[in-house]
Amino acid sequence: MPTSLCANKALRKERLLSIARELISNNGFEAFTINELASKEQLSIPTVHNLLGKKSNIFEQLIVEIVDNKIMGIYRTYSTYRISAHLTRGVAR
């Protein structure tokens, strides 16, 4: 698959996940439907399934995203702390 097609697919997936996140946040997971997600983006239900999978797959992807963001936040905080501590030790000498 050419790069531009892969990039477009990734952007479409990200857009769908963003809408799914919003729908679940506003209405809860039980009220969330693939049909509603598809209609928000004017896509067919099979297209959404092809891009993201089942409802449970979408939820799983959103959870992984949350965990990844938390881990990266902790890593950035830790890295900033270590750099700051290293610079402070250098100034104290």
PDB file of N, CA and C in Angstrom:
ATOM      1  N   MET A   1       0.849  -1.178   0.000  1.00  0.00           N
ATOM      2  CA  MET A   1       0.000   0.000   0.000  1.00  0.00           C
ATOM      3  C   MET A   1       0.896   1.243   0.000  1.00  0.00           C
ATOM      4  N   PRO A   2       0.688   2.166  -0.934  1.00  0.00           N
ATOM      5  CA  PRO A   2       1.503   3.373  -0.973  1.00  0.00           C
ATOM      6  C   PRO A   2       1.406   4.165   0.330  1.00  0.00           C
ATOM      7  N   THR A   3       2.447   4.927   0.598  1.00  0.00           N
ATOM      8  CA  THR A   3       2.558   5.669   1.848  1.00  0.00           C
ATOM      9  C   THR A   3       1.376   6.598   2.092  1.00  0.00           C
ATOM     10  N   SER A   4       0.934   7.311   1.059  1.00  0.00           N
ATOM     11  CA  SER A   4      -0.173   8.246   1.247  1.00  0.00           C
ATOM     12  C   SER A   4      -1.458   7.522   1.649  1.00  0.00           C
ATOM     13  N   LEU A   5      -1.685   6.329   1.112  1.00  0.00           N
ATOM     14  CA  LEU A   5      -2.855   5.550   1.504  1.00  0.00           C
ATOM     15  C   LEU A   5      -2.749   5.107   2.956  1.00  0.00           C
ATOM     16  N   CYS A   6      -1.562   4.698   3.365  1.00  0.00           N
ATOM     17  CA  CYS A   6      -1.344   4.308   4.765  1.00  0.00           C
ATOM     18  C   CYS A   6      -1.548   5.499   5.691  1.00  0.00           C
ATOM     19  N   ALA A   7      -1.044   6.641   5.284  1.00  0.00           N
ATOM     20  CA  ALA A   7      -1.188   7.851   6.094  1.00  0.00           C
ATOM     21  C   ALA A   7      -2.658   8.246   6.200  1.00  0.00           C
ATOM     22  N   ASN A   8      -3.390   8.175   5.098  1.00  0.00           N
ATOM     23  CA  ASN A   8      -4.817   8.500   5.120  1.00  0.00           C
ATOM     24  C   ASN A   8      -5.593   7.538   6.006  1.00  0.00           C
ATOM     25  N   LYS A   9      -5.241   6.267   5.948  1.00  0.00           N
ATOM     26  CA  LYS A   9      -5.902   5.265   6.778  1.00  0.00           C
ATOM     27  C   LYS A   9      -5.632   5.543   8.257  1.00  0.00           C
ATOM     28  N   ALA A  10      -4.396   5.888   8.577  1.00  0.00           N
ATOM     29  CA  ALA A  10      -4.036   6.190   9.964  1.00  0.00           C
ATOM     30  C   ALA A  10      -4.777   7.434  10.461  1.00  0.00           C
ATOM     31  N   LEU A  11      -4.879   8.444   9.611  1.00  0.00           N
ATOM     32  CA  LEU A  11      -5.610   9.654   9.985  1.00  0.00           C
ATOM     33  C   LEU A  11      -7.100   9.365  10.191  1.00  0.00           C
ATOM     34  N   ARG A  12      -7.657   8.548   9.331  1.00  0.00           N
ATOM     35  CA  ARG A  12      -9.069   8.186   9.447  1.00  0.00           C
ATOM     36  C   ARG A  12      -9.316   7.399  10.733  1.00  0.00           C
ATOM     37  N   LYS A  13      -8.404   6.470  11.044  1.00  0.00           N
ATOM     38  CA  LYS A  13      -8.515   5.700  12.289  1.00  0.00           C
ATOM     39  C   LYS A  13      -8.452   6.623  13.499  1.00  0.00           C
ATOM     40  N   GLU A  14      -7.514   7.552  13.488  1.00  0.00           N
ATOM     41  CA  GLU A  14      -7.354   8.482  14.607  1.00  0.00           C
ATOM     42  C   GLU A  14      -8.597   9.351  14.759  1.00  0.00           C
ATOM     43  N   ARG A  15      -9.148   9.792  13.645  1.00  0.00           N
ATOM     44  CA  ARG A  15     -10.369  10.604  13.689  1.00  0.00           C
ATOM     45  C   ARG A  15     -11.527   9.795  14.268  1.00  0.00           C
ATOM     46  N   LEU A  16     -11.673   8.552  13.842  1.00  0.00           N
ATOM     47  CA  LEU A  16     -12.735   7.693  14.370  1.00  0.00           C
ATOM     48  C   LEU A  16     -12.549   7.437  15.866  1.00  0.00           C
ATOM     49  N   LEU A  17     -11.315   7.196  16.286  1.00  0.00           N
ATOM     50  CA  LEU A  17     -11.055   6.976  17.709  1.00  0.00           C
ATOM     51  C   LEU A  17     -11.366   8.222  18.527  1.00  0.00           C
ATOM     52  N   SER A  18     -11.066   9.375  17.967  1.00  0.00           N
ATOM     53  CA  SER A  18     -11.376  10.627  18.645  1.00  0.00           C
ATOM     54  C   SER A  18     -12.882  10.801  18.830  1.00  0.00           C
ATOM     55  N   ILE A  19     -13.637  10.494  17.796  1.00  0.00           N
ATOM     56  CA  ILE A  19     -15.096  10.589  17.880  1.00  0.00           C
ATOM     57  C   ILE A  19     -15.633   9.546  18.854  1.00  0.00           C
ATOM     58  N   ALA A  20     -15.093   8.336  18.801  1.00  0.00           N
ATOM     59  CA  ALA A  20     -15.513   7.278  19.725  1.00  0.00           C
ATOM     60  C   ALA A  20     -15.243   7.703  21.166  1.00  0.00           C
ATOM     61  N   ARG A  21     -14.075   8.283  21.406  1.00  0.00           N
ATOM     62  CA  ARG A  21     -13.714   8.764  22.742  1.00  0.00           C
ATOM     63  C   ARG A  21     -14.742   9.779  23.240  1.00  0.00           C
ATOM     64  N   GLU A  22     -15.115  10.688  22.355  1.00  0.00           N
ATOM     65  CA  GLU A  22     -16.097  11.723  22.700  1.00  0.00           C
ATOM     66  C   GLU A  22     -17.479  11.111  22.975  1.00  0.00           C
ATOM     67  N   LEU A  23     -17.902  10.200  22.127  1.00  0.00           N
ATOM     68  CA  LEU A  23     -19.211   9.561  22.306  1.00  0.00           C
ATOM     69  C   LEU A  23     -19.266   8.764  23.610  1.00  0.00           C
ATOM     70  N   ILE A  24     -18.225   8.016  23.891  1.00  0.00           N
ATOM     71  CA  ILE A  24     -18.187   7.218  25.119  1.00  0.00           C
ATOM     72  C   ILE A  24     -18.124   8.129  26.333  1.00  0.00           C
ATOM     73  N   SER A  25     -17.354   9.184  26.230  1.00  0.00           N
ATOM     74  CA  SER A  25     -17.236  10.140  27.330  1.00  0.00           C
ATOM     75  C   SER A  25     -18.579  10.801  27.635  1.00  0.00           C
ATOM     76  N   ASN A  26     -19.307  11.160  26.598  1.00  0.00           N
ATOM     77  CA  ASN A  26     -20.581  11.858  26.775  1.00  0.00           C
ATOM     78  C   ASN A  26     -21.733  10.947  27.169  1.00  0.00           C
ATOM     79  N   ASN A  27     -21.766   9.739  26.605  1.00  0.00           N
ATOM     80  CA  ASN A  27     -22.951   8.889  26.757  1.00  0.00           C
ATOM     81  C   ASN A  27     -22.701   7.565  27.470  1.00  0.00           C
ATOM     82  N   GLY A  28     -21.438   7.216  27.704  1.00  0.00           N
ATOM     83  CA  GLY A  28     -21.105   5.937  28.322  1.00  0.00           C
ATOM     84  C   GLY A  28     -20.867   4.845  27.292  1.00  0.00           C
ATOM     85  N   PHE A  29     -20.162   3.812  27.728  1.00  0.00           N
ATOM     86  CA  PHE A  29     -19.800   2.726  26.819  1.00  0.00           C
ATOM     87  C   PHE A  29     -21.016   1.934  26.361  1.00  0.00           C
ATOM     88  N   GLU A  30     -21.954   1.697  27.249  1.00  0.00           N
ATOM     89  CA  GLU A  30     -23.132   0.899  26.895  1.00  0.00           C
ATOM     90  C   GLU A  30     -23.958   1.560  25.795  1.00  0.00           C
ATOM     91  N   ALA A  31     -24.030   2.896  25.796  1.00  0.00           N
ATOM     92  CA  ALA A  31     -24.823   3.613  24.792  1.00  0.00           C
ATOM     93  C   ALA A  31     -24.086   3.768  23.463  1.00  0.00           C
ATOM     94  N   PHE A  32     -22.778   3.573  23.481  1.00  0.00           N
ATOM     95  CA  PHE A  32     -21.953   3.735  22.277  1.00  0.00           C
ATOM     96  C   PHE A  32     -22.264   2.629  21.277  1.00  0.00           C
ATOM     97  N   THR A  33     -22.450   3.024  19.994  1.00  0.00           N
ATOM     98  CA  THR A  33     -22.683   2.031  18.940  1.00  0.00           C
ATOM     99  C   THR A  33     -21.792   2.333  17.733  1.00  0.00           C
ATOM    100  N   ILE A  34     -21.451   1.278  17.034  1.00  0.00           N
ATOM    101  CA  ILE A  34     -20.688   1.416  15.785  1.00  0.00           C
ATOM    102  C   ILE A  34     -21.510   2.208  14.774  1.00  0.00           C
ATOM    103  N   ASN A  35     -22.813   1.975  14.769  1.00  0.00           N
ATOM    104  CA  ASN A  35     -23.704   2.675  13.850  1.00  0.00           C
ATOM    105  C   ASN A  35     -23.616   4.193  14.061  1.00  0.00           C
ATOM    106  N   GLU A  36     -23.663   4.621  15.312  1.00  0.00           N
ATOM    107  CA  GLU A  36     -23.576   6.055  15.609  1.00  0.00           C
ATOM    108  C   GLU A  36     -22.218   6.622  15.179  1.00  0.00           C
ATOM    109  N   LEU A  37     -21.159   5.871  15.453  1.00  0.00           N
ATOM    110  CA  LEU A  37     -19.817   6.290  15.048  1.00  0.00           C
ATOM    111  C   LEU A  37     -19.727   6.420  13.534  1.00  0.00           C
ATOM    112  N   ALA A  38     -20.245   5.436  12.823  1.00  0.00           N
ATOM    113  CA  ALA A  38     -20.212   5.457  11.357  1.00  0.00           C
ATOM    114  C   ALA A  38     -21.000   6.646  10.817  1.00  0.00           C
ATOM    115  N   SER A  39     -22.166   6.897  11.376  1.00  0.00           N
ATOM    116  CA  SER A  39     -22.984   7.998  10.862  1.00  0.00           C
ATOM    117  C   SER A  39     -22.362   9.356  11.153  1.00  0.00           C
ATOM    118  N   LYS A  40     -21.641   9.486  12.261  1.00  0.00           N
ATOM    119  CA  LYS A  40     -20.965  10.757  12.570  1.00  0.00           C
ATOM    120  C   LYS A  40     -19.941  11.119  11.496  1.00  0.00           C
ATOM    121  N   GLU A  41     -19.299  10.117  10.928  1.00  0.00           N
ATOM    122  CA  GLU A  41     -18.278  10.343   9.900  1.00  0.00           C
ATOM    123  C   GLU A  41     -18.789  10.042   8.499  1.00  0.00           C
ATOM    124  N   GLN A  42     -20.069   9.752   8.385  1.00  0.00           N
ATOM    125  CA  GLN A  42     -20.696   9.413   7.113  1.00  0.00           C
ATOM    126  C   GLN A  42     -19.964   8.262   6.417  1.00  0.00           C
ATOM    127  N   LEU A  43     -19.716   7.214   7.209  1.00  0.00           N
ATOM    128  CA  LEU A  43     -19.078   5.999   6.711  1.00  0.00           C
ATOM    129  C   LEU A  43     -20.046   4.836   6.864  1.00  0.00           C
ATOM    130  N   SER A  44     -19.756   3.763   6.166  1.00  0.00           N
ATOM    131  CA  SER A  44     -20.558   2.560   6.355  1.00  0.00           C
ATOM    132  C   SER A  44     -20.070   1.824   7.603  1.00  0.00           C
ATOM    133  N   ILE A  45     -20.956   1.032   8.172  1.00  0.00           N
ATOM    134  CA  ILE A  45     -20.582   0.234   9.348  1.00  0.00           C
ATOM    135  C   ILE A  45     -19.428  -0.715   9.020  1.00  0.00           C
ATOM    136  N   PRO A  46     -19.447  -1.411   7.858  1.00  0.00           N
ATOM    137  CA  PRO A  46     -18.305  -2.269   7.530  1.00  0.00           C
ATOM    138  C   PRO A  46     -16.968  -1.507   7.450  1.00  0.00           C
ATOM    139  N   THR A  47     -17.010  -0.265   6.985  1.00  0.00           N
ATOM    140  CA  THR A  47     -15.772   0.528   6.923  1.00  0.00           C
ATOM    141  C   THR A  47     -15.219   0.758   8.321  1.00  0.00           C
ATOM    142  N   VAL A  48     -16.090   1.097   9.258  1.00  0.00           N
ATOM    143  CA  VAL A  48     -15.651   1.297  10.646  1.00  0.00           C
ATOM    144  C   VAL A  48     -15.093  -0.004  11.202  1.00  0.00           C
ATOM    145  N   HIS A  49     -15.780  -1.112  10.945  1.00  0.00           N
ATOM    146  CA  HIS A  49     -15.283  -2.412  11.407  1.00  0.00           C
ATOM    147  C   HIS A  49     -13.925  -2.733  10.794  1.00  0.00           C
ATOM    148  N   ASN A  50     -13.743  -2.434   9.523  1.00  0.00           N
ATOM    149  CA  ASN A  50     -12.459  -2.699   8.862  1.00  0.00           C
ATOM    150  C   ASN A  50     -11.330  -1.872   9.460  1.00  0.00           C
ATOM    151  N   LEU A  51     -11.634  -0.637   9.846  1.00  0.00           N
ATOM    152  CA  LEU A  51     -10.613   0.248  10.394  1.00  0.00           C
ATOM    153  C   LEU A  51     -10.325  -0.008  11.868  1.00  0.00           C
ATOM    154  N   LEU A  52     -11.374  -0.278  12.656  1.00  0.00           N
ATOM    155  CA  LEU A  52     -11.193  -0.347  14.112  1.00  0.00           C
ATOM    156  C   LEU A  52     -11.588  -1.673  14.750  1.00  0.00           C
ATOM    157  N   GLY A  53     -12.344  -2.473  14.047  1.00  0.00           N
ATOM    158  CA  GLY A  53     -12.801  -3.729  14.640  1.00  0.00           C
ATOM    159  C   GLY A  53     -14.143  -3.564  15.341  1.00  0.00           C
ATOM    160  N   LYS A  54     -14.405  -4.447  16.305  1.00  0.00           N
ATOM    161  CA  LYS A  54     -15.661  -4.450  17.041  1.00  0.00           C
ATOM    162  C   LYS A  54     -15.653  -3.358  18.117  1.00  0.00           C
ATOM    163  N   LYS A  55     -16.806  -3.187  18.738  1.00  0.00           N
ATOM    164  CA  LYS A  55     -16.958  -2.211  19.816  1.00  0.00           C
ATOM    165  C   LYS A  55     -15.923  -2.453  20.918  1.00  0.00           C
ATOM    166  N   SER A  56     -15.723  -3.692  21.284  1.00  0.00           N
ATOM    167  CA  SER A  56     -14.750  -4.015  22.336  1.00  0.00           C
ATOM    168  C   SER A  56     -13.320  -3.685  21.893  1.00  0.00           C
ATOM    169  N   ASN A  57     -13.017  -3.847  20.600  1.00  0.00           N
ATOM    170  CA  ASN A  57     -11.690  -3.485  20.088  1.00  0.00           C
ATOM    171  C   ASN A  57     -11.457  -1.978  20.180  1.00  0.00           C
ATOM    172  N   ILE A  58     -12.495  -1.220  19.904  1.00  0.00           N
ATOM    173  CA  ILE A  58     -12.390   0.241  19.976  1.00  0.00           C
ATOM    174  C   ILE A  58     -12.112   0.651  21.411  1.00  0.00           C
ATOM    175  N   PHE A  59     -12.858   0.074  22.348  1.00  0.00           N
ATOM    176  CA  PHE A  59     -12.658   0.385  23.760  1.00  0.00           C
ATOM    177  C   PHE A  59     -11.243   0.026  24.194  1.00  0.00           C
ATOM    178  N   GLU A  60     -10.772  -1.135  23.757  1.00  0.00           N
ATOM    179  CA  GLU A  60      -9.414  -1.584  24.084  1.00  0.00           C
ATOM    180  C   GLU A  60      -8.373  -0.604  23.542  1.00  0.00           C
ATOM    181  N   GLN A  61      -8.548  -0.145  22.304  1.00  0.00           N
ATOM    182  CA  GLN A  61      -7.603   0.815  21.717  1.00  0.00           C
ATOM    183  C   GLN A  61      -7.575   2.122  22.506  1.00  0.00           C
ATOM    184  N   LEU A  62      -8.745   2.556  22.976  1.00  0.00           N
ATOM    185  CA  LEU A  62      -8.807   3.790  23.764  1.00  0.00           C
ATOM    186  C   LEU A  62      -8.124   3.609  25.114  1.00  0.00           C
ATOM    187  N   ILE A  63      -8.281   2.448  25.737  1.00  0.00           N
ATOM    188  CA  ILE A  63      -7.611   2.171  27.012  1.00  0.00           C
ATOM    189  C   ILE A  63      -6.097   2.139  26.817  1.00  0.00           C
ATOM    190  N   VAL A  64      -5.631   1.483  25.775  1.00  0.00           N
ATOM    191  CA  VAL A  64      -4.191   1.435  25.484  1.00  0.00           C
ATOM    192  C   VAL A  64      -3.648   2.848  25.284  1.00  0.00           C
ATOM    193  N   GLU A  65      -4.403   3.680  24.585  1.00  0.00           N
ATOM    194  CA  GLU A  65      -4.000   5.067  24.362  1.00  0.00           C
ATOM    195  C   GLU A  65      -3.860   5.811  25.691  1.00  0.00           C
ATOM    196  N   ILE A  66      -4.823   5.622  26.589  1.00  0.00           N
ATOM    197  CA  ILE A  66      -4.769   6.278  27.904  1.00  0.00           C
ATOM    198  C   ILE A  66      -3.545   5.817  28.680  1.00  0.00           C
ATOM    199  N   VAL A  67      -3.305   4.518  28.702  1.00  0.00           N
ATOM    200  CA  VAL A  67      -2.159   3.970  29.432  1.00  0.00           C
ATOM    201  C   VAL A  67      -0.849   4.477  28.825  1.00  0.00           C
ATOM    202  N   ASP A  68      -0.748   4.454  27.503  1.00  0.00           N
ATOM    203  CA  ASP A  68       0.462   4.951  26.839  1.00  0.00           C
ATOM    204  C   ASP A  68       0.714   6.414  27.183  1.00  0.00           C
ATOM    205  N   ASN A  69      -0.336   7.229  27.171  1.00  0.00           N
ATOM    206  CA  ASN A  69      -0.185   8.649  27.508  1.00  0.00           C
ATOM    207  C   ASN A  69       0.265   8.837  28.943  1.00  0.00           C
ATOM    208  N   LYS A  70      -0.268   8.034  29.859  1.00  0.00           N
ATOM    209  CA  LYS A  70       0.135   8.112  31.263  1.00  0.00           C
ATOM    210  C   LYS A  70       1.601   7.733  31.422  1.00  0.00           C
ATOM    211  N   ILE A  71       1.990   6.652  30.771  1.00  0.00           N
ATOM    212  CA  ILE A  71       3.386   6.195  30.865  1.00  0.00           C
ATOM    213  C   ILE A  71       4.327   7.252  30.295  1.00  0.00           C
ATOM    214  N   MET A  72       3.975   7.829  29.150  1.00  0.00           N
ATOM    215  CA  MET A  72       4.828   8.868  28.555  1.00  0.00           C
ATOM    216  C   MET A  72       4.876  10.100  29.454  1.00  0.00           C
ATOM    217  N   GLY A  73       3.775  10.443  30.097  1.00  0.00           N
ATOM    218  CA  GLY A  73       3.766  11.574  31.023  1.00  0.00           C
ATOM    219  C   GLY A  73       4.694  11.331  32.195  1.00  0.00           C
ATOM    220  N   ILE A  74       4.659  10.114  32.737  1.00  0.00           N
ATOM    221  CA  ILE A  74       5.549   9.757  33.841  1.00  0.00           C
ATOM    222  C   ILE A  74       7.000   9.792  33.368  1.00  0.00           C
ATOM    223  N   TYR A  75       7.266   9.248  32.190  1.00  0.00           N
ATOM    224  CA  TYR A  75       8.624   9.241  31.642  1.00  0.00           C
ATOM    225  C   TYR A  75       9.145  10.666  31.453  1.00  0.00           C
ATOM    226  N   ARG A  76       8.310  11.546  30.875  1.00  0.00           N
ATOM    227  CA  ARG A  76       8.736  12.934  30.665  1.00  0.00           C
ATOM    228  C   ARG A  76       9.012  13.620  31.996  1.00  0.00           C
ATOM    229  N   THR A  77       8.155  13.377  32.975  1.00  0.00           N
ATOM    230  CA  THR A  77       8.347  13.980  34.296  1.00  0.00           C
ATOM    231  C   THR A  77       9.643  13.478  34.908  1.00  0.00           C
ATOM    232  N   TYR A  78       9.877  12.174  34.840  1.00  0.00           N
ATOM    233  CA  TYR A  78      11.088  11.578  35.391  1.00  0.00           C
ATOM    234  C   TYR A  78      12.322  12.102  34.671  1.00  0.00           C
ATOM    235  N   SER A  79      12.253  12.176  33.339  1.00  0.00           N
ATOM    236  CA  SER A  79      13.394  12.667  32.563  1.00  0.00           C
ATOM    237  C   SER A  79      13.700  14.119  32.908  1.00  0.00           C
ATOM    238  N   THR A  80      12.672  14.940  33.028  1.00  0.00           N
ATOM    239  CA  THR A  80      12.856  16.341  33.389  1.00  0.00           C
ATOM    240  C   THR A  80      13.466  16.451  34.774  1.00  0.00           C
ATOM    241  N   TYR A  81      12.987  15.621  35.702  1.00  0.00           N
ATOM    242  CA  TYR A  81      13.524  15.619  37.058  1.00  0.00           C
ATOM    243  C   TYR A  81      14.999  15.240  37.060  1.00  0.00           C
ATOM    244  N   ARG A  82      15.354  14.202  36.317  1.00  0.00           N
ATOM    245  CA  ARG A  82      16.757  13.750  36.282  1.00  0.00           C
ATOM    246  C   ARG A  82      17.658  14.807  35.661  1.00  0.00           C
ATOM    247  N   ILE A  83      17.205  15.429  34.579  1.00  0.00           N
ATOM    248  CA  ILE A  83      18.002  16.475  33.939  1.00  0.00           C
ATOM    249  C   ILE A  83      18.164  17.650  34.892  1.00  0.00           C
ATOM    250  N   SER A  84      17.082  18.031  35.537  1.00  0.00           N
ATOM    251  CA  SER A  84      17.123  19.140  36.485  1.00  0.00           C
ATOM    252  C   SER A  84      18.054  18.824  37.641  1.00  0.00           C
ATOM    253  N   ALA A  85      17.972  17.609  38.172  1.00  0.00           N
ATOM    254  CA  ALA A  85      18.843  17.209  39.285  1.00  0.00           C
ATOM    255  C   ALA A  85      20.301  17.204  38.840  1.00  0.00           C
ATOM    256  N   HIS A  86      20.554  16.737  37.648  1.00  0.00           N
ATOM    257  CA  HIS A  86      21.922  16.699  37.132  1.00  0.00           C
ATOM    258  C   HIS A  86      22.475  18.120  36.967  1.00  0.00           C
ATOM    259  N   LEU A  87      21.679  19.017  36.422  1.00  0.00           N
ATOM    260  CA  LEU A  87      22.111  20.410  36.248  1.00  0.00           C
ATOM    261  C   LEU A  87      22.334  21.087  37.592  1.00  0.00           C
ATOM    262  N   THR A  88      21.460  20.798  38.547  1.00  0.00           N
ATOM    263  CA  THR A  88      21.592  21.397  39.877  1.00  0.00           C
ATOM    264  C   THR A  88      22.882  20.926  40.523  1.00  0.00           C
ATOM    265  N   ARG A  89      23.202  19.645  40.412  1.00  0.00           N
ATOM    266  CA  ARG A  89      24.459  19.126  40.975  1.00  0.00           C
ATOM    267  C   ARG A  89      25.655  19.808  40.310  1.00  0.00           C
ATOM    268  N   GLY A  90      25.539  20.038  39.016  1.00  0.00           N
ATOM    269  CA  GLY A  90      26.644  20.688  38.290  1.00  0.00           C
ATOM    270  C   GLY A  90      26.859  22.110  38.754  1.00  0.00           C
ATOM    271  N   VAL A  91      25.814  22.831  39.081  1.00  0.00           N
ATOM    272  CA  VAL A  91      25.917  24.211  39.540  1.00  0.00           C
ATOM    273  C   VAL A  91      26.469  24.259  40.944  1.00  0.00           C
ATOM    274  N   ALA A  92      26.146  23.275  41.781  1.00  0.00           N
ATOM    275  CA  ALA A  92      26.569  23.275  43.173  1.00  0.00           C
ATOM    276  C   ALA A  92      28.067  23.049  43.303  1.00  0.00           C
ATOM    277  N   ARG A  93      28.709  22.517  42.315  1.00  0.00           N
ATOM    278  CA  ARG A  93      30.144  22.192  42.415  1.00  0.00           C
ATOM    279  C   ARG A  93      30.994  23.406  42.387  1.00  0.00           C
TER     280      ARG A  93
END
